[in-house]
Amino acid sequence: MMAASEDVSCAEVLKVLADETRLAVMRRLMQGPQRVGELNEQLHVEQTLLSHHLRVLRDAGLVSSRRIGKSVEYKISDRVESKRRGAVLELGCCKLDFR
């Protein structure tokens, strides 16, 4: 059974996505890459808390990041994006449907 990242179990991925803020971040990133400031404006989450959630998603292999000047842009990881079918993410053990 393959999860978003080969070294992360399906149960761990589901535990990560069980948090409402992290699920909201994934929903926003389904629309395309976004900078932390953009996500913060949309989600109205304290910046340090948002950074924590983004780190958890990155550690689980669900998102990736890159620095652009002074800001950081996040996107759905290539591994997860390659399994995407429109508004549905194939996570190996289950599907995440954002419709």
N, C-alpha and C. Protein backbone atom coordinates (compact mmCIF):
# COMPACT_ATOMS: atom_id res chain seq x y z
N MET A 1 0.85 -1.17 0.00
CA MET A 1 0.00 0.00 0.00
C MET A 1 0.89 1.23 0.00
N MET A 2 0.71 2.11 -0.97
CA MET A 2 1.56 3.29 -1.10
C MET A 2 0.81 4.54 -0.72
N ALA A 3 1.35 5.28 0.21
CA ALA A 3 0.74 6.54 0.62
C ALA A 3 1.39 7.67 -0.17
N ALA A 4 1.14 8.90 0.23
CA ALA A 4 1.67 10.06 -0.47
C ALA A 4 3.20 10.01 -0.52
N SER A 5 3.81 9.53 0.50
CA SER A 5 5.25 9.36 0.55
C SER A 5 5.53 7.90 0.90
N GLU A 6 6.51 7.31 0.24
CA GLU A 6 6.76 5.88 0.43
C GLU A 6 7.04 5.51 1.87
N ASP A 7 7.62 6.44 2.65
CA ASP A 7 7.99 6.11 4.02
C ASP A 7 6.93 6.56 5.04
N VAL A 8 5.77 7.01 4.57
CA VAL A 8 4.69 7.43 5.45
C VAL A 8 3.51 6.49 5.22
N SER A 9 3.00 5.88 6.28
CA SER A 9 1.90 4.94 6.13
C SER A 9 0.59 5.67 5.83
N CYS A 10 -0.36 4.93 5.32
CA CYS A 10 -1.67 5.49 5.02
C CYS A 10 -2.31 6.06 6.29
N ALA A 11 -2.21 5.35 7.37
CA ALA A 11 -2.79 5.82 8.63
C ALA A 11 -2.18 7.16 9.05
N GLU A 12 -0.88 7.31 8.85
CA GLU A 12 -0.21 8.57 9.20
C GLU A 12 -0.69 9.70 8.29
N VAL A 13 -0.86 9.43 6.99
CA VAL A 13 -1.35 10.44 6.07
C VAL A 13 -2.76 10.87 6.46
N LEU A 14 -3.60 9.90 6.78
CA LEU A 14 -4.97 10.22 7.18
C LEU A 14 -4.99 11.01 8.48
N LYS A 15 -4.08 10.71 9.39
CA LYS A 15 -4.00 11.45 10.65
C LYS A 15 -3.60 12.91 10.37
N VAL A 16 -2.68 13.10 9.44
CA VAL A 16 -2.27 14.44 9.06
C VAL A 16 -3.45 15.21 8.47
N LEU A 17 -4.22 14.56 7.62
CA LEU A 17 -5.34 15.22 6.94
C LEU A 17 -6.58 15.34 7.81
N ALA A 18 -6.59 14.75 8.98
CA ALA A 18 -7.74 14.83 9.88
C ALA A 18 -7.87 16.22 10.50
N ASP A 19 -6.84 17.03 10.41
CA ASP A 19 -6.89 18.38 10.95
C ASP A 19 -7.57 19.31 9.94
N GLU A 20 -8.54 20.09 10.39
CA GLU A 20 -9.31 20.97 9.50
C GLU A 20 -8.44 21.99 8.78
N THR A 21 -7.46 22.55 9.46
CA THR A 21 -6.60 23.56 8.83
C THR A 21 -5.76 22.93 7.73
N ARG A 22 -5.19 21.76 8.00
CA ARG A 22 -4.36 21.10 6.98
C ARG A 22 -5.21 20.68 5.79
N LEU A 23 -6.42 20.24 6.04
CA LEU A 23 -7.33 19.89 4.95
C LEU A 23 -7.68 21.13 4.13
N ALA A 24 -7.88 22.26 4.80
CA ALA A 24 -8.16 23.51 4.10
C ALA A 24 -6.97 23.95 3.27
N VAL A 25 -5.76 23.76 3.78
CA VAL A 25 -4.55 24.09 3.02
C VAL A 25 -4.49 23.24 1.76
N MET A 26 -4.75 21.95 1.89
CA MET A 26 -4.74 21.07 0.71
C MET A 26 -5.77 21.52 -0.31
N ARG A 27 -6.93 21.88 0.16
CA ARG A 27 -7.99 22.36 -0.75
C ARG A 27 -7.52 23.60 -1.51
N ARG A 28 -6.88 24.53 -0.82
CA ARG A 28 -6.37 25.75 -1.47
C ARG A 28 -5.28 25.42 -2.48
N LEU A 29 -4.41 24.49 -2.11
CA LEU A 29 -3.30 24.14 -3.01
C LEU A 29 -3.76 23.34 -4.22
N MET A 30 -4.95 22.77 -4.16
CA MET A 30 -5.52 22.09 -5.33
C MET A 30 -5.74 23.11 -6.46
N GLN A 31 -5.88 24.38 -6.11
CA GLN A 31 -6.09 25.44 -7.09
C GLN A 31 -4.78 25.93 -7.69
N GLY A 32 -3.64 25.49 -7.14
CA GLY A 32 -2.33 25.87 -7.64
C GLY A 32 -1.43 26.32 -6.52
N PRO A 33 -0.14 26.49 -6.82
CA PRO A 33 0.84 26.91 -5.81
C PRO A 33 0.46 28.25 -5.19
N GLN A 34 0.75 28.38 -3.90
CA GLN A 34 0.46 29.63 -3.19
C GLN A 34 1.55 29.92 -2.19
N ARG A 35 1.77 31.19 -1.98
CA ARG A 35 2.72 31.63 -0.96
C ARG A 35 2.06 31.60 0.40
N VAL A 36 2.87 31.54 1.42
CA VAL A 36 2.36 31.47 2.79
C VAL A 36 1.43 32.64 3.08
N GLY A 37 1.80 33.84 2.65
CA GLY A 37 0.97 35.01 2.89
C GLY A 37 -0.41 34.89 2.25
N GLU A 38 -0.46 34.32 1.05
CA GLU A 38 -1.74 34.12 0.37
C GLU A 38 -2.61 33.13 1.13
N LEU A 39 -1.99 32.04 1.57
CA LEU A 39 -2.74 31.05 2.34
C LEU A 39 -3.25 31.66 3.64
N ASN A 40 -2.42 32.46 4.27
CA ASN A 40 -2.78 33.09 5.53
C ASN A 40 -3.97 34.03 5.34
N GLU A 41 -3.98 34.79 4.25
CA GLU A 41 -5.09 35.71 3.98
C GLU A 41 -6.40 34.94 3.79
N GLN A 42 -6.33 33.80 3.14
CA GLN A 42 -7.53 33.02 2.85
C GLN A 42 -8.03 32.25 4.06
N LEU A 43 -7.11 31.73 4.86
CA LEU A 43 -7.48 30.85 5.96
C LEU A 43 -7.60 31.56 7.30
N HIS A 44 -7.05 32.77 7.41
CA HIS A 44 -7.10 33.54 8.65
C HIS A 44 -6.57 32.74 9.84
N VAL A 45 -5.38 32.20 9.66
CA VAL A 45 -4.70 31.42 10.70
C VAL A 45 -3.43 32.17 11.08
N GLU A 46 -3.11 32.18 12.36
CA GLU A 46 -1.88 32.81 12.82
C GLU A 46 -0.70 32.24 12.03
N GLN A 47 0.21 33.11 11.60
CA GLN A 47 1.31 32.70 10.72
C GLN A 47 2.15 31.56 11.30
N THR A 48 2.46 31.61 12.59
CA THR A 48 3.27 30.54 13.17
C THR A 48 2.52 29.21 13.17
N LEU A 49 1.21 29.25 13.40
CA LEU A 49 0.40 28.04 13.37
C LEU A 49 0.30 27.50 11.94
N LEU A 50 0.13 28.39 10.97
CA LEU A 50 0.08 27.97 9.57
C LEU A 50 1.40 27.33 9.17
N SER A 51 2.51 27.92 9.58
CA SER A 51 3.83 27.36 9.27
C SER A 51 3.97 25.96 9.85
N HIS A 52 3.46 25.76 11.06
CA HIS A 52 3.48 24.43 11.68
C HIS A 52 2.70 23.43 10.82
N HIS A 53 1.49 23.79 10.41
CA HIS A 53 0.66 22.90 9.61
C HIS A 53 1.33 22.59 8.27
N LEU A 54 1.95 23.59 7.66
CA LEU A 54 2.64 23.37 6.38
C LEU A 54 3.82 22.43 6.55
N ARG A 55 4.53 22.54 7.67
CA ARG A 55 5.65 21.64 7.93
C ARG A 55 5.16 20.21 8.10
N VAL A 56 4.04 20.01 8.79
CA VAL A 56 3.48 18.68 8.97
C VAL A 56 3.09 18.08 7.61
N LEU A 57 2.45 18.88 6.76
CA LEU A 57 2.08 18.42 5.42
C LEU A 57 3.31 18.08 4.59
N ARG A 58 4.34 18.91 4.70
CA ARG A 58 5.59 18.66 3.96
C ARG A 58 6.27 17.39 4.46
N ASP A 59 6.32 17.21 5.78
CA ASP A 59 6.95 16.01 6.35
C ASP A 59 6.23 14.74 5.94
N ALA A 60 4.92 14.85 5.69
CA ALA A 60 4.13 13.69 5.26
C ALA A 60 4.24 13.45 3.76
N GLY A 61 4.93 14.34 3.06
CA GLY A 61 5.11 14.19 1.62
C GLY A 61 3.93 14.64 0.80
N LEU A 62 3.02 15.40 1.40
CA LEU A 62 1.83 15.86 0.69
C LEU A 62 2.05 17.17 -0.05
N VAL A 63 2.92 18.02 0.47
CA VAL A 63 3.23 19.29 -0.19
C VAL A 63 4.74 19.46 -0.28
N SER A 64 5.14 20.35 -1.16
CA SER A 64 6.55 20.72 -1.27
C SER A 64 6.64 22.24 -1.26
N SER A 65 7.82 22.75 -1.00
CA SER A 65 7.98 24.20 -0.90
C SER A 65 9.23 24.64 -1.64
N ARG A 66 9.23 25.93 -1.99
CA ARG A 66 10.42 26.55 -2.57
C ARG A 66 10.43 28.01 -2.18
N ARG A 67 11.62 28.50 -1.94
CA ARG A 67 11.78 29.89 -1.54
C ARG A 67 11.79 30.76 -2.79
N ILE A 68 11.01 31.84 -2.74
CA ILE A 68 10.98 32.84 -3.80
C ILE A 68 11.24 34.18 -3.13
N GLY A 69 12.46 34.65 -3.24
CA GLY A 69 12.83 35.88 -2.54
C GLY A 69 12.70 35.69 -1.05
N LYS A 70 11.90 36.52 -0.41
CA LYS A 70 11.72 36.44 1.04
C LYS A 70 10.55 35.55 1.44
N SER A 71 9.77 35.09 0.47
CA SER A 71 8.60 34.28 0.81
C SER A 71 8.81 32.82 0.39
N VAL A 72 7.93 31.97 0.88
CA VAL A 72 7.97 30.55 0.56
C VAL A 72 6.66 30.19 -0.14
N GLU A 73 6.80 29.49 -1.27
CA GLU A 73 5.63 29.04 -2.01
C GLU A 73 5.44 27.55 -1.79
N TYR A 74 4.20 27.16 -1.58
CA TYR A 74 3.86 25.75 -1.36
C TYR A 74 3.00 25.26 -2.51
N LYS A 75 3.14 23.98 -2.81
CA LYS A 75 2.30 23.33 -3.81
C LYS A 75 2.12 21.87 -3.41
N ILE A 76 1.14 21.23 -4.01
CA ILE A 76 0.97 19.80 -3.78
C ILE A 76 2.20 19.11 -4.34
N SER A 77 2.74 18.15 -3.60
CA SER A 77 3.97 17.49 -4.02
C SER A 77 3.78 16.81 -5.37
N ASP A 78 4.87 16.67 -6.11
CA ASP A 78 4.81 16.05 -7.44
C ASP A 78 4.26 14.64 -7.36
N ARG A 79 4.63 13.89 -6.34
CA ARG A 79 4.16 12.51 -6.19
C ARG A 79 2.65 12.46 -6.03
N VAL A 80 2.10 13.35 -5.22
CA VAL A 80 0.65 13.40 -5.01
C VAL A 80 -0.03 13.97 -6.25
N GLU A 81 0.55 15.02 -6.82
CA GLU A 81 -0.04 15.66 -8.01
C GLU A 81 -0.13 14.68 -9.17
N SER A 82 0.84 13.78 -9.28
CA SER A 82 0.81 12.82 -10.39
C SER A 82 -0.35 11.84 -10.28
N LYS A 83 -0.93 11.73 -9.09
CA LYS A 83 -2.07 10.82 -8.87
C LYS A 83 -3.38 11.58 -8.81
N ARG A 84 -3.33 12.85 -9.08
CA ARG A 84 -4.52 13.70 -9.00
C ARG A 84 -5.41 13.46 -10.22
N ARG A 85 -6.69 13.42 -9.98
CA ARG A 85 -7.70 13.31 -11.03
C ARG A 85 -8.71 14.42 -10.82
N GLY A 86 -8.46 15.58 -11.39
CA GLY A 86 -9.34 16.72 -11.19
C GLY A 86 -9.33 17.18 -9.74
N ALA A 87 -10.47 17.10 -9.09
CA ALA A 87 -10.59 17.52 -7.69
C ALA A 87 -10.38 16.37 -6.73
N VAL A 88 -9.83 15.25 -7.23
CA VAL A 88 -9.63 14.06 -6.40
C VAL A 88 -8.14 13.75 -6.32
N LEU A 89 -7.66 13.52 -5.10
CA LEU A 89 -6.28 13.07 -4.89
C LEU A 89 -6.31 11.60 -4.53
N GLU A 90 -5.55 10.80 -5.27
CA GLU A 90 -5.39 9.38 -4.96
C GLU A 90 -4.24 9.27 -3.96
N LEU A 91 -4.54 8.78 -2.78
CA LEU A 91 -3.51 8.66 -1.74
C LEU A 91 -3.00 7.24 -1.57
N GLY A 92 -3.37 6.36 -2.46
CA GLY A 92 -2.93 4.97 -2.36
C GLY A 92 -3.97 4.12 -1.68
N CYS A 93 -4.24 4.41 -0.43
CA CYS A 93 -5.21 3.63 0.33
C CYS A 93 -6.61 4.21 0.25
N CYS A 94 -6.71 5.44 -0.20
CA CYS A 94 -8.02 6.09 -0.28
C CYS A 94 -7.95 7.27 -1.26
N LYS A 95 -9.10 7.85 -1.50
CA LYS A 95 -9.20 9.02 -2.36
C LYS A 95 -9.69 10.19 -1.53
N LEU A 96 -9.14 11.35 -1.79
CA LEU A 96 -9.57 12.58 -1.15
C LEU A 96 -10.27 13.41 -2.21
N ASP A 97 -11.58 13.62 -2.05
CA ASP A 97 -12.41 14.27 -3.04
C ASP A 97 -12.80 15.66 -2.55
N PHE A 98 -12.41 16.70 -3.29
CA PHE A 98 -12.68 18.08 -2.90
C PHE A 98 -13.86 18.68 -3.67
N ARG A 99 -14.66 17.86 -4.30
CA ARG A 99 -15.83 18.40 -5.04
C ARG A 99 -16.91 18.80 -4.08
